[in-house]
N, C-alpha and C. Protein backbone atom coordinates (compact mmCIF):
# COMPACT_ATOMS: atom_id res chain seq x y z
N LYS A 1 -8.57 17.30 46.88
CA LYS A 1 -7.39 18.02 46.42
C LYS A 1 -6.47 17.13 45.60
N GLU A 2 -6.42 15.85 45.95
CA GLU A 2 -5.51 14.95 45.23
C GLU A 2 -5.95 14.73 43.79
N ARG A 3 -7.18 15.10 43.44
CA ARG A 3 -7.67 14.93 42.07
C ARG A 3 -7.54 16.20 41.24
N ARG A 4 -7.03 17.24 41.82
CA ARG A 4 -6.86 18.48 41.07
C ARG A 4 -5.72 18.34 40.08
N PHE A 5 -5.92 18.89 38.90
CA PHE A 5 -4.88 18.86 37.88
C PHE A 5 -3.92 20.03 38.09
N ASN A 6 -2.65 19.79 37.82
CA ASN A 6 -1.65 20.84 37.94
C ASN A 6 -0.93 21.06 36.61
N ARG A 7 -1.64 20.77 35.52
CA ARG A 7 -1.08 20.90 34.17
C ARG A 7 -2.24 21.10 33.19
N PRO A 8 -1.94 21.49 31.95
CA PRO A 8 -3.00 21.58 30.94
C PRO A 8 -3.67 20.22 30.74
N VAL A 9 -4.97 20.21 30.54
CA VAL A 9 -5.72 18.97 30.43
C VAL A 9 -6.53 18.92 29.14
N LYS A 10 -6.86 17.69 28.75
CA LYS A 10 -7.74 17.47 27.61
C LYS A 10 -9.04 16.88 28.15
N VAL A 11 -10.14 17.55 27.86
CA VAL A 11 -11.44 17.22 28.43
C VAL A 11 -12.44 16.93 27.31
N ARG A 12 -13.26 15.92 27.53
CA ARG A 12 -14.38 15.65 26.63
C ARG A 12 -15.68 15.83 27.40
N ILE A 13 -16.59 16.58 26.83
CA ILE A 13 -17.93 16.74 27.39
C ILE A 13 -18.92 16.21 26.37
N ALA A 14 -19.80 15.30 26.80
CA ALA A 14 -20.78 14.72 25.89
C ALA A 14 -22.15 14.73 26.52
N THR A 15 -23.16 15.05 25.72
CA THR A 15 -24.55 14.98 26.15
C THR A 15 -25.36 14.32 25.05
N ASP A 16 -26.67 14.23 25.22
CA ASP A 16 -27.45 13.45 24.26
C ASP A 16 -27.84 14.22 23.01
N ARG A 17 -28.04 15.53 23.10
CA ARG A 17 -28.50 16.30 21.96
C ARG A 17 -27.70 17.59 21.82
N PHE A 18 -27.54 18.04 20.56
CA PHE A 18 -26.78 19.25 20.30
C PHE A 18 -27.36 20.46 21.02
N PHE A 19 -28.70 20.57 21.06
CA PHE A 19 -29.29 21.77 21.64
C PHE A 19 -28.97 21.90 23.13
N LYS A 20 -28.64 20.78 23.80
CA LYS A 20 -28.29 20.86 25.22
C LYS A 20 -26.90 21.46 25.42
N ILE A 21 -26.03 21.27 24.44
CA ILE A 21 -24.73 21.94 24.52
C ILE A 21 -24.95 23.45 24.52
N ASP A 22 -25.85 23.88 23.65
CA ASP A 22 -26.12 25.30 23.49
C ASP A 22 -26.88 25.88 24.68
N SER A 23 -27.85 25.12 25.21
CA SER A 23 -28.73 25.67 26.24
C SER A 23 -28.30 25.36 27.67
N VAL A 24 -27.48 24.31 27.85
CA VAL A 24 -27.10 23.89 29.21
C VAL A 24 -25.59 23.92 29.43
N ILE A 25 -24.85 23.19 28.59
CA ILE A 25 -23.42 22.99 28.84
C ILE A 25 -22.62 24.28 28.70
N GLU A 26 -22.75 24.94 27.55
CA GLU A 26 -21.95 26.15 27.34
C GLU A 26 -22.26 27.24 28.36
N PRO A 27 -23.52 27.53 28.70
CA PRO A 27 -23.77 28.54 29.73
C PRO A 27 -23.15 28.20 31.08
N LYS A 28 -23.17 26.89 31.45
CA LYS A 28 -22.57 26.49 32.72
C LYS A 28 -21.06 26.71 32.70
N LEU A 29 -20.41 26.34 31.60
CA LEU A 29 -18.96 26.53 31.52
C LEU A 29 -18.60 28.01 31.59
N ARG A 30 -19.36 28.83 30.90
CA ARG A 30 -19.07 30.27 30.92
C ARG A 30 -19.31 30.87 32.31
N GLU A 31 -20.19 30.25 33.07
CA GLU A 31 -20.45 30.72 34.44
C GLU A 31 -19.26 30.43 35.35
N TYR A 32 -18.61 29.28 35.15
CA TYR A 32 -17.56 28.85 36.07
C TYR A 32 -16.14 29.13 35.57
N LEU A 33 -15.93 29.19 34.27
CA LEU A 33 -14.59 29.43 33.75
C LEU A 33 -14.33 30.93 33.63
N PRO A 34 -13.19 31.40 34.11
CA PRO A 34 -12.87 32.82 33.93
C PRO A 34 -12.78 33.17 32.45
N LYS A 35 -13.50 34.20 32.04
CA LYS A 35 -13.52 34.60 30.63
C LYS A 35 -12.12 34.91 30.12
N SER A 36 -11.28 35.46 31.00
CA SER A 36 -9.93 35.85 30.59
C SER A 36 -9.05 34.65 30.27
N GLU A 37 -9.46 33.43 30.71
CA GLU A 37 -8.65 32.24 30.48
C GLU A 37 -9.02 31.52 29.18
N ILE A 38 -10.10 31.95 28.51
CA ILE A 38 -10.52 31.33 27.26
C ILE A 38 -9.77 31.98 26.10
N LYS A 39 -9.00 31.16 25.39
CA LYS A 39 -8.21 31.68 24.27
C LYS A 39 -9.03 31.74 22.99
N SER A 40 -9.72 30.65 22.67
CA SER A 40 -10.51 30.64 21.44
C SER A 40 -11.61 29.59 21.52
N ILE A 41 -12.62 29.74 20.68
CA ILE A 41 -13.75 28.82 20.61
C ILE A 41 -14.01 28.46 19.16
N ARG A 42 -14.19 27.19 18.90
CA ARG A 42 -14.56 26.74 17.56
C ARG A 42 -16.00 26.24 17.58
N ARG A 43 -16.71 26.51 16.49
CA ARG A 43 -18.11 26.11 16.41
C ARG A 43 -18.37 25.30 15.14
N SER A 44 -19.41 24.48 15.22
CA SER A 44 -19.82 23.70 14.06
C SER A 44 -20.54 24.61 13.07
N PRO A 45 -20.76 24.14 11.84
CA PRO A 45 -21.51 24.95 10.87
C PRO A 45 -22.90 25.34 11.37
N GLN A 46 -23.46 24.52 12.30
CA GLN A 46 -24.78 24.82 12.85
C GLN A 46 -24.71 25.84 14.00
N GLY A 47 -23.49 26.18 14.40
CA GLY A 47 -23.33 27.19 15.44
C GLY A 47 -23.06 26.65 16.83
N TYR A 48 -23.07 25.32 16.98
CA TYR A 48 -22.82 24.73 18.30
C TYR A 48 -21.33 24.72 18.60
N ILE A 49 -20.98 24.97 19.85
CA ILE A 49 -19.58 24.94 20.24
C ILE A 49 -19.03 23.53 20.08
N SER A 50 -17.86 23.40 19.48
CA SER A 50 -17.24 22.09 19.27
C SER A 50 -15.91 21.96 20.01
N LYS A 51 -15.20 23.08 20.20
CA LYS A 51 -13.95 23.05 20.95
C LYS A 51 -13.76 24.37 21.68
N MET A 52 -13.19 24.28 22.85
CA MET A 52 -12.81 25.45 23.63
C MET A 52 -11.35 25.29 24.02
N ILE A 53 -10.53 26.24 23.65
CA ILE A 53 -9.10 26.19 23.92
C ILE A 53 -8.76 27.25 24.95
N MET A 54 -8.08 26.83 26.01
CA MET A 54 -7.74 27.73 27.10
C MET A 54 -6.32 28.27 26.94
N LYS A 55 -6.03 29.37 27.62
CA LYS A 55 -4.73 30.01 27.50
C LYS A 55 -3.59 29.14 28.01
N ASP A 56 -3.89 28.24 28.96
CA ASP A 56 -2.82 27.40 29.50
C ASP A 56 -2.56 26.17 28.62
N GLY A 57 -3.30 26.04 27.51
CA GLY A 57 -3.13 24.90 26.63
C GLY A 57 -4.16 23.81 26.81
N SER A 58 -5.02 23.95 27.80
CA SER A 58 -6.09 22.96 27.99
C SER A 58 -7.08 23.02 26.84
N LEU A 59 -7.67 21.85 26.54
CA LEU A 59 -8.61 21.74 25.43
C LEU A 59 -9.87 21.03 25.91
N ILE A 60 -11.03 21.57 25.55
CA ILE A 60 -12.31 20.92 25.83
C ILE A 60 -12.99 20.65 24.50
N GLU A 61 -13.38 19.39 24.27
CA GLU A 61 -14.14 19.05 23.07
C GLU A 61 -15.56 18.68 23.46
N PHE A 62 -16.51 18.92 22.56
CA PHE A 62 -17.93 18.72 22.84
C PHE A 62 -18.51 17.73 21.83
N LEU A 63 -19.15 16.67 22.36
CA LEU A 63 -19.75 15.65 21.50
C LEU A 63 -21.18 15.38 21.96
N THR A 64 -21.97 14.74 21.08
CA THR A 64 -23.31 14.30 21.47
C THR A 64 -23.54 12.89 20.96
N MET A 65 -24.58 12.24 21.50
CA MET A 65 -24.93 10.90 21.08
C MET A 65 -25.47 10.86 19.66
N GLU A 66 -25.75 12.03 19.09
CA GLU A 66 -26.23 12.11 17.72
C GLU A 66 -25.10 11.90 16.72
N GLN A 67 -23.86 12.03 17.16
CA GLN A 67 -22.72 11.88 16.27
C GLN A 67 -22.35 10.42 16.08
N ASP A 68 -21.61 10.16 15.02
CA ASP A 68 -21.15 8.81 14.72
C ASP A 68 -20.28 8.28 15.85
N LEU A 69 -20.34 6.97 16.07
CA LEU A 69 -19.57 6.34 17.14
C LEU A 69 -18.08 6.65 17.02
N MET A 70 -17.57 6.74 15.81
CA MET A 70 -16.14 6.97 15.62
C MET A 70 -15.69 8.34 16.13
N ALA A 71 -16.63 9.25 16.33
CA ALA A 71 -16.27 10.55 16.91
C ALA A 71 -15.76 10.39 18.34
N PHE A 72 -16.12 9.27 18.99
CA PHE A 72 -15.71 9.01 20.37
C PHE A 72 -14.40 8.22 20.45
N GLU A 73 -13.86 7.82 19.32
CA GLU A 73 -12.63 7.04 19.29
C GLU A 73 -11.42 7.95 19.06
N GLY A 74 -10.23 7.43 19.40
CA GLY A 74 -8.98 8.03 18.96
C GLY A 74 -8.58 9.33 19.61
N GLN A 75 -8.90 9.52 20.87
CA GLN A 75 -8.51 10.75 21.56
C GLN A 75 -8.00 10.39 22.95
N ASP A 76 -6.83 10.94 23.32
CA ASP A 76 -6.33 10.74 24.67
C ASP A 76 -6.89 11.86 25.56
N LEU A 77 -7.36 11.48 26.76
CA LEU A 77 -8.11 12.41 27.59
C LEU A 77 -7.68 12.35 29.06
N ASP A 78 -7.87 13.48 29.74
CA ASP A 78 -7.67 13.53 31.19
C ASP A 78 -8.99 13.41 31.94
N LEU A 79 -10.05 13.92 31.34
CA LEU A 79 -11.34 13.97 32.03
C LEU A 79 -12.48 13.85 31.04
N PHE A 80 -13.49 13.07 31.42
CA PHE A 80 -14.71 12.96 30.63
C PHE A 80 -15.89 13.33 31.50
N TRP A 81 -16.70 14.27 31.00
CA TRP A 81 -17.96 14.60 31.66
C TRP A 81 -19.10 14.18 30.75
N GLY A 82 -19.84 13.16 31.16
CA GLY A 82 -21.01 12.72 30.43
C GLY A 82 -22.26 13.23 31.10
N ASP A 83 -23.01 14.08 30.41
CA ASP A 83 -24.24 14.64 30.97
C ASP A 83 -25.43 13.97 30.29
N GLU A 84 -26.26 13.32 31.06
CA GLU A 84 -27.37 12.46 30.63
C GLU A 84 -26.85 11.05 30.35
N PRO A 85 -27.73 10.04 30.39
CA PRO A 85 -27.30 8.65 30.18
C PRO A 85 -26.55 8.48 28.87
N ILE A 86 -25.53 7.65 28.87
CA ILE A 86 -24.68 7.46 27.70
C ILE A 86 -24.72 6.01 27.25
N GLU A 87 -24.70 5.79 25.95
CA GLU A 87 -24.65 4.44 25.42
C GLU A 87 -23.34 3.78 25.83
N ARG A 88 -23.39 2.50 26.12
CA ARG A 88 -22.22 1.79 26.61
C ARG A 88 -21.05 1.85 25.62
N LYS A 89 -21.33 1.66 24.33
CA LYS A 89 -20.24 1.61 23.35
C LYS A 89 -19.51 2.96 23.25
N ARG A 90 -20.23 4.05 23.46
CA ARG A 90 -19.58 5.36 23.44
C ARG A 90 -18.81 5.59 24.74
N PHE A 91 -19.35 5.09 25.83
CA PHE A 91 -18.64 5.17 27.11
C PHE A 91 -17.33 4.40 27.06
N ILE A 92 -17.38 3.17 26.51
CA ILE A 92 -16.17 2.35 26.44
C ILE A 92 -15.13 2.99 25.52
N ALA A 93 -15.58 3.56 24.41
CA ALA A 93 -14.65 4.23 23.50
C ALA A 93 -13.94 5.38 24.22
N THR A 94 -14.68 6.09 25.05
CA THR A 94 -14.09 7.19 25.80
C THR A 94 -13.14 6.68 26.88
N GLN A 95 -13.50 5.57 27.54
CA GLN A 95 -12.62 5.01 28.56
C GLN A 95 -11.27 4.63 27.98
N ARG A 96 -11.28 4.15 26.74
CA ARG A 96 -10.01 3.82 26.08
C ARG A 96 -9.13 5.07 25.98
N GLY A 97 -9.73 6.20 25.67
CA GLY A 97 -8.96 7.43 25.58
C GLY A 97 -8.44 7.92 26.91
N LEU A 98 -9.11 7.56 27.99
CA LEU A 98 -8.67 7.98 29.32
C LEU A 98 -7.46 7.20 29.83
N ILE A 99 -7.22 6.03 29.25
CA ILE A 99 -6.10 5.19 29.69
C ILE A 99 -4.78 5.92 29.51
N ASP A 100 -4.61 6.61 28.39
CA ASP A 100 -3.33 7.24 28.04
C ASP A 100 -2.86 8.23 29.10
N ARG A 101 -3.80 8.87 29.77
CA ARG A 101 -3.44 9.92 30.74
C ARG A 101 -3.92 9.59 32.15
N ALA A 102 -4.32 8.32 32.36
CA ALA A 102 -4.85 7.91 33.67
C ALA A 102 -5.98 8.84 34.10
N GLY A 103 -6.87 9.13 33.16
CA GLY A 103 -7.96 10.06 33.42
C GLY A 103 -9.14 9.40 34.10
N PHE A 104 -10.17 10.19 34.38
CA PHE A 104 -11.36 9.65 35.03
C PHE A 104 -12.61 10.32 34.48
N SER A 105 -13.76 9.76 34.82
CA SER A 105 -15.04 10.21 34.29
C SER A 105 -15.93 10.78 35.39
N LEU A 106 -16.74 11.75 35.00
CA LEU A 106 -17.83 12.27 35.82
C LEU A 106 -19.11 12.10 35.02
N LEU A 107 -20.10 11.43 35.58
CA LEU A 107 -21.35 11.19 34.89
C LEU A 107 -22.49 11.82 35.69
N THR A 108 -23.27 12.67 35.06
CA THR A 108 -24.42 13.30 35.71
C THR A 108 -25.64 13.00 34.87
N PHE A 109 -26.67 12.39 35.48
CA PHE A 109 -27.80 11.97 34.65
C PHE A 109 -29.02 11.64 35.50
N THR A 110 -30.19 11.76 34.88
CA THR A 110 -31.43 11.23 35.43
C THR A 110 -31.58 9.82 34.88
N PRO A 111 -31.66 8.80 35.73
CA PRO A 111 -31.57 7.40 35.27
C PRO A 111 -32.87 6.87 34.65
N LEU A 112 -33.22 7.42 33.50
CA LEU A 112 -34.43 7.01 32.80
C LEU A 112 -34.17 5.88 31.81
N ILE A 113 -32.99 5.87 31.22
CA ILE A 113 -32.64 4.87 30.20
C ILE A 113 -31.23 4.35 30.48
N GLU A 114 -30.73 3.49 29.58
CA GLU A 114 -29.40 2.89 29.70
C GLU A 114 -29.24 2.11 31.00
N PRO A 115 -30.00 1.01 31.16
CA PRO A 115 -29.91 0.22 32.40
C PRO A 115 -28.53 -0.37 32.66
N TRP A 116 -27.69 -0.48 31.63
CA TRP A 116 -26.34 -1.01 31.83
C TRP A 116 -25.57 -0.16 32.85
N MET A 117 -25.91 1.13 32.94
CA MET A 117 -25.19 2.02 33.85
C MET A 117 -25.43 1.63 35.31
N LYS A 118 -26.60 1.11 35.60
CA LYS A 118 -26.87 0.62 36.95
C LYS A 118 -26.10 -0.66 37.22
N GLU A 119 -26.18 -1.59 36.26
CA GLU A 119 -25.59 -2.91 36.48
C GLU A 119 -24.07 -2.88 36.50
N GLU A 120 -23.46 -2.06 35.65
CA GLU A 120 -22.01 -2.08 35.51
C GLU A 120 -21.30 -0.95 36.25
N LEU A 121 -22.02 0.09 36.63
CA LEU A 121 -21.39 1.20 37.33
C LEU A 121 -21.96 1.40 38.73
N VAL A 122 -23.24 1.72 38.81
CA VAL A 122 -23.84 2.06 40.11
C VAL A 122 -23.78 0.87 41.07
N ASP A 123 -24.14 -0.31 40.59
CA ASP A 123 -24.16 -1.49 41.47
C ASP A 123 -22.75 -1.92 41.89
N LYS A 124 -21.73 -1.45 41.18
CA LYS A 124 -20.36 -1.83 41.50
C LYS A 124 -19.60 -0.73 42.23
N ALA A 125 -20.32 0.28 42.68
CA ALA A 125 -19.67 1.39 43.38
C ALA A 125 -19.02 0.91 44.66
N ASP A 126 -17.77 1.32 44.85
CA ASP A 126 -17.02 0.94 46.04
C ASP A 126 -16.39 2.16 46.74
N SER A 127 -16.74 3.35 46.25
CA SER A 127 -16.22 4.62 46.77
C SER A 127 -14.72 4.80 46.54
N LYS A 128 -14.13 3.88 45.79
CA LYS A 128 -12.71 4.00 45.44
C LYS A 128 -12.57 4.12 43.92
N ARG A 129 -12.88 3.03 43.24
CA ARG A 129 -12.84 3.08 41.77
C ARG A 129 -14.08 3.77 41.23
N ILE A 130 -15.22 3.53 41.85
CA ILE A 130 -16.49 4.14 41.44
C ILE A 130 -17.18 4.71 42.67
N ALA A 131 -17.52 5.98 42.61
CA ALA A 131 -18.28 6.62 43.69
C ALA A 131 -19.60 7.11 43.12
N VAL A 132 -20.69 6.86 43.84
CA VAL A 132 -22.03 7.24 43.38
C VAL A 132 -22.66 8.22 44.37
N TYR A 133 -23.23 9.28 43.86
CA TYR A 133 -23.95 10.26 44.66
C TYR A 133 -25.35 10.40 44.08
N THR A 134 -26.36 9.98 44.84
CA THR A 134 -27.74 10.06 44.38
C THR A 134 -28.36 11.34 44.91
N ALA A 135 -28.85 12.17 43.99
CA ALA A 135 -29.40 13.47 44.37
C ALA A 135 -30.91 13.47 44.30
N ASP A 136 -31.53 14.06 45.30
CA ASP A 136 -32.97 14.27 45.32
C ASP A 136 -33.26 15.63 44.69
N ILE A 137 -34.43 15.77 44.08
CA ILE A 137 -34.75 17.05 43.45
C ILE A 137 -34.66 18.19 44.44
N ARG A 138 -34.94 17.91 45.70
CA ARG A 138 -34.89 18.98 46.71
C ARG A 138 -33.46 19.36 47.10
N ASP A 139 -32.50 18.59 46.65
CA ASP A 139 -31.11 18.99 46.83
C ASP A 139 -30.77 20.18 45.94
N ASN A 140 -31.64 20.46 44.97
CA ASN A 140 -31.40 21.56 44.03
C ASN A 140 -32.18 22.83 44.38
N LYS A 141 -32.66 22.92 45.60
CA LYS A 141 -33.41 24.12 45.98
C LYS A 141 -32.49 25.33 46.12
N PHE A 142 -31.20 25.07 46.40
CA PHE A 142 -30.24 26.16 46.55
C PHE A 142 -28.92 25.76 45.90
N ASP A 143 -28.16 26.74 45.41
CA ASP A 143 -26.84 26.44 44.89
C ASP A 143 -25.84 26.39 46.04
N VAL A 144 -24.56 26.19 45.71
CA VAL A 144 -23.55 25.99 46.75
C VAL A 144 -23.32 27.25 47.60
N THR A 145 -23.76 28.40 47.10
CA THR A 145 -23.59 29.64 47.86
C THR A 145 -24.87 30.05 48.57
N GLY A 146 -25.94 29.21 48.45
CA GLY A 146 -27.18 29.50 49.16
C GLY A 146 -28.23 30.24 48.36
N ASN A 147 -27.95 30.54 47.09
CA ASN A 147 -28.93 31.22 46.25
C ASN A 147 -30.04 30.25 45.85
N ALA A 148 -31.27 30.73 45.86
CA ALA A 148 -32.42 29.88 45.56
C ALA A 148 -32.41 29.48 44.08
N ILE A 149 -32.75 28.19 43.82
CA ILE A 149 -32.88 27.69 42.45
C ILE A 149 -34.31 27.20 42.22
N LEU A 150 -34.72 26.17 42.97
CA LEU A 150 -36.06 25.61 42.83
C LEU A 150 -36.90 25.95 44.06
N ARG A 151 -38.16 26.29 43.81
CA ARG A 151 -39.07 26.60 44.91
C ARG A 151 -39.87 25.35 45.29
N GLU A 152 -40.14 25.19 46.58
CA GLU A 152 -40.87 24.02 47.07
C GLU A 152 -42.25 23.92 46.43
N GLU A 153 -42.93 25.03 46.25
CA GLU A 153 -44.26 24.98 45.66
C GLU A 153 -44.23 24.49 44.21
N ASP A 154 -43.16 24.82 43.49
CA ASP A 154 -43.03 24.35 42.11
C ASP A 154 -42.70 22.86 42.07
N ILE A 155 -41.89 22.41 43.02
CA ILE A 155 -41.58 20.99 43.11
C ILE A 155 -42.85 20.19 43.41
N LYS A 156 -43.65 20.68 44.34
CA LYS A 156 -44.88 19.98 44.69
C LYS A 156 -45.86 19.93 43.53
N GLN A 157 -45.92 21.00 42.74
CA GLN A 157 -46.78 21.01 41.57
C GLN A 157 -46.33 19.94 40.57
N PHE A 158 -45.01 19.84 40.35
CA PHE A 158 -44.47 18.82 39.46
C PHE A 158 -44.73 17.43 40.02
N GLU A 159 -44.54 17.28 41.32
CA GLU A 159 -44.72 16.00 41.99
C GLU A 159 -46.15 15.49 41.83
N SER A 160 -47.13 16.40 41.83
CA SER A 160 -48.54 16.01 41.73
C SER A 160 -48.88 15.42 40.36
N MET A 161 -48.02 15.63 39.37
CA MET A 161 -48.27 15.13 38.02
C MET A 161 -47.70 13.73 37.80
N LEU A 162 -46.90 13.23 38.74
CA LEU A 162 -46.12 12.02 38.51
C LEU A 162 -46.76 10.79 39.13
N THR A 163 -46.52 9.63 38.48
CA THR A 163 -46.87 8.36 39.09
C THR A 163 -45.83 8.03 40.16
N ASP A 164 -46.10 7.00 40.97
CA ASP A 164 -45.15 6.61 42.01
C ASP A 164 -43.81 6.22 41.41
N ASP A 165 -43.84 5.48 40.29
CA ASP A 165 -42.59 5.07 39.65
C ASP A 165 -41.83 6.27 39.11
N GLU A 166 -42.55 7.22 38.53
CA GLU A 166 -41.90 8.42 38.00
C GLU A 166 -41.31 9.25 39.13
N LYS A 167 -42.00 9.29 40.26
CA LYS A 167 -41.46 10.02 41.42
C LYS A 167 -40.12 9.44 41.86
N ALA A 168 -40.05 8.12 41.89
CA ALA A 168 -38.82 7.46 42.34
C ALA A 168 -37.63 7.90 41.50
N THR A 169 -37.85 8.08 40.19
CA THR A 169 -36.75 8.45 39.30
C THR A 169 -36.55 9.95 39.22
N ARG A 170 -37.61 10.68 38.93
CA ARG A 170 -37.48 12.11 38.66
C ARG A 170 -37.32 12.96 39.91
N LEU A 171 -37.78 12.46 41.05
CA LEU A 171 -37.62 13.20 42.29
C LEU A 171 -36.46 12.68 43.13
N HIS A 172 -36.25 11.36 43.10
CA HIS A 172 -35.30 10.76 44.04
C HIS A 172 -34.09 10.09 43.37
N GLY A 173 -34.03 10.10 42.03
CA GLY A 173 -32.83 9.64 41.34
C GLY A 173 -32.64 8.15 41.27
N ARG A 174 -33.73 7.36 41.40
CA ARG A 174 -33.60 5.91 41.32
C ARG A 174 -33.85 5.44 39.89
N PHE A 175 -33.21 4.36 39.52
CA PHE A 175 -33.33 3.88 38.14
C PHE A 175 -34.76 3.48 37.80
N PHE A 176 -35.18 3.83 36.59
CA PHE A 176 -36.57 3.62 36.17
C PHE A 176 -36.79 2.26 35.53
N HIS A 177 -35.76 1.64 34.97
CA HIS A 177 -35.99 0.49 34.09
C HIS A 177 -36.53 -0.75 34.81
N LEU A 178 -36.40 -0.82 36.13
CA LEU A 178 -36.92 -1.97 36.87
C LEU A 178 -38.27 -1.69 37.53
N LYS A 179 -38.75 -0.45 37.42
CA LYS A 179 -39.98 -0.10 38.11
C LYS A 179 -41.16 -0.88 37.53
N GLY A 180 -41.99 -1.40 38.41
CA GLY A 180 -43.20 -2.08 37.98
C GLY A 180 -43.02 -3.54 37.64
N ILE A 181 -41.78 -4.04 37.60
CA ILE A 181 -41.58 -5.44 37.25
C ILE A 181 -41.00 -6.24 38.41
N VAL A 182 -40.80 -5.59 39.54
CA VAL A 182 -40.34 -6.30 40.73
C VAL A 182 -41.21 -5.87 41.92
N TYR A 183 -41.30 -6.72 42.93
CA TYR A 183 -42.04 -6.36 44.13
C TYR A 183 -41.32 -5.22 44.85
N LYS A 184 -42.08 -4.22 45.26
CA LYS A 184 -41.46 -3.12 46.00
C LYS A 184 -41.11 -3.55 47.42
N GLU A 185 -41.88 -4.52 47.96
CA GLU A 185 -41.58 -5.04 49.29
C GLU A 185 -41.60 -6.55 49.24
N PHE A 186 -40.70 -7.19 49.94
CA PHE A 186 -40.61 -8.64 49.97
C PHE A 186 -41.21 -9.15 51.27
N ASP A 187 -42.22 -10.01 51.15
CA ASP A 187 -42.90 -10.58 52.30
C ASP A 187 -42.67 -12.08 52.29
N VAL A 188 -41.91 -12.58 53.24
CA VAL A 188 -41.56 -14.00 53.26
C VAL A 188 -42.79 -14.88 53.39
N ASN A 189 -43.85 -14.37 54.00
CA ASN A 189 -45.07 -15.17 54.18
C ASN A 189 -45.87 -15.29 52.88
N VAL A 190 -45.62 -14.38 51.96
CA VAL A 190 -46.37 -14.38 50.70
C VAL A 190 -45.53 -14.94 49.55
N HIS A 191 -44.27 -14.58 49.53
CA HIS A 191 -43.44 -14.83 48.36
C HIS A 191 -42.53 -16.05 48.48
N CYS A 192 -42.57 -16.75 49.59
CA CYS A 192 -41.71 -17.91 49.77
C CYS A 192 -42.52 -19.16 50.11
N ILE A 193 -42.06 -20.30 49.62
CA ILE A 193 -42.60 -21.60 50.03
C ILE A 193 -41.42 -22.40 50.56
N ASP A 194 -41.49 -22.77 51.82
CA ASP A 194 -40.38 -23.49 52.43
C ASP A 194 -40.45 -24.99 52.11
N ASP A 195 -39.30 -25.59 51.98
CA ASP A 195 -39.19 -27.05 51.86
C ASP A 195 -40.03 -27.61 50.70
N PHE A 196 -39.99 -26.94 49.58
CA PHE A 196 -40.73 -27.44 48.42
C PHE A 196 -39.79 -28.25 47.54
N LYS A 197 -40.19 -29.44 47.19
CA LYS A 197 -39.40 -30.30 46.32
C LYS A 197 -40.19 -30.61 45.06
N TYR A 198 -39.62 -30.33 43.92
CA TYR A 198 -40.31 -30.57 42.65
C TYR A 198 -40.08 -32.01 42.21
N GLU A 199 -41.17 -32.72 41.95
CA GLU A 199 -41.09 -34.10 41.48
C GLU A 199 -41.30 -34.14 39.95
N ASN A 200 -40.66 -35.08 39.31
CA ASN A 200 -40.71 -35.14 37.85
C ASN A 200 -42.12 -35.41 37.30
N ASN A 201 -42.98 -36.02 38.09
CA ASN A 201 -44.31 -36.33 37.58
C ASN A 201 -45.34 -35.22 37.85
N TYR A 202 -44.90 -34.10 38.40
CA TYR A 202 -45.83 -33.00 38.64
C TYR A 202 -46.24 -32.37 37.30
N PRO A 203 -47.49 -31.95 37.18
CA PRO A 203 -47.90 -31.26 35.95
C PRO A 203 -47.27 -29.87 35.87
N VAL A 204 -47.09 -29.38 34.67
CA VAL A 204 -46.54 -28.06 34.44
C VAL A 204 -47.59 -27.20 33.77
N ILE A 205 -47.92 -26.08 34.36
CA ILE A 205 -48.92 -25.18 33.82
C ILE A 205 -48.28 -23.80 33.62
N CYS A 206 -48.41 -23.29 32.42
CA CYS A 206 -47.88 -21.96 32.13
C CYS A 206 -48.97 -20.93 32.40
N VAL A 207 -48.67 -19.96 33.25
CA VAL A 207 -49.63 -18.94 33.62
C VAL A 207 -49.00 -17.56 33.38
N LEU A 208 -49.70 -16.71 32.68
CA LEU A 208 -49.25 -15.33 32.45
C LEU A 208 -50.10 -14.39 33.29
N ASP A 209 -49.50 -13.73 34.24
CA ASP A 209 -50.23 -12.80 35.08
C ASP A 209 -49.86 -11.38 34.65
N PRO A 210 -50.76 -10.70 33.98
CA PRO A 210 -50.42 -9.35 33.47
C PRO A 210 -50.39 -8.30 34.56
């Protein structure tokens, strides 16, 4: 409740491709926003929604990663919703705009790319400045009112097509960029040598293990 706004707000919504605004973002907003509260909508020459103005004075702007970096600069904001992984430079440009109004960000994404998001955001989560919620695909079987969304049989069919690494990301929401390059389990008897001292006269052999 303490995060609820009690005044008109300026919101930025950004995703990776224009077609997702048309097929995902706009339908979701129309589902949740009362139609009677929408004052006007502006669209790009291609027909994609670019701005939504509400009767109370609130403004929502829509951007994608396909646009020039400068499109993310020079705007004061209350809220940023980034859907899908976002490039760091565009994220930072948006954070600058949030300073003016002490705003905050909501990021929703499947962690397939942009490893900086793990290192600088997820790994630094403290539930105060940064809170992280990792969702499993089975968390989407029902909506908040109990209506069915995904069927278990369809999930299992999708699951049968995936590698173990892909399952970790696409089913369980774990970052993909480290998969396959680190040990999944650490065994001290295999991976450690105790009391080893390197002497200067030891030979050095370069070995590449693919």
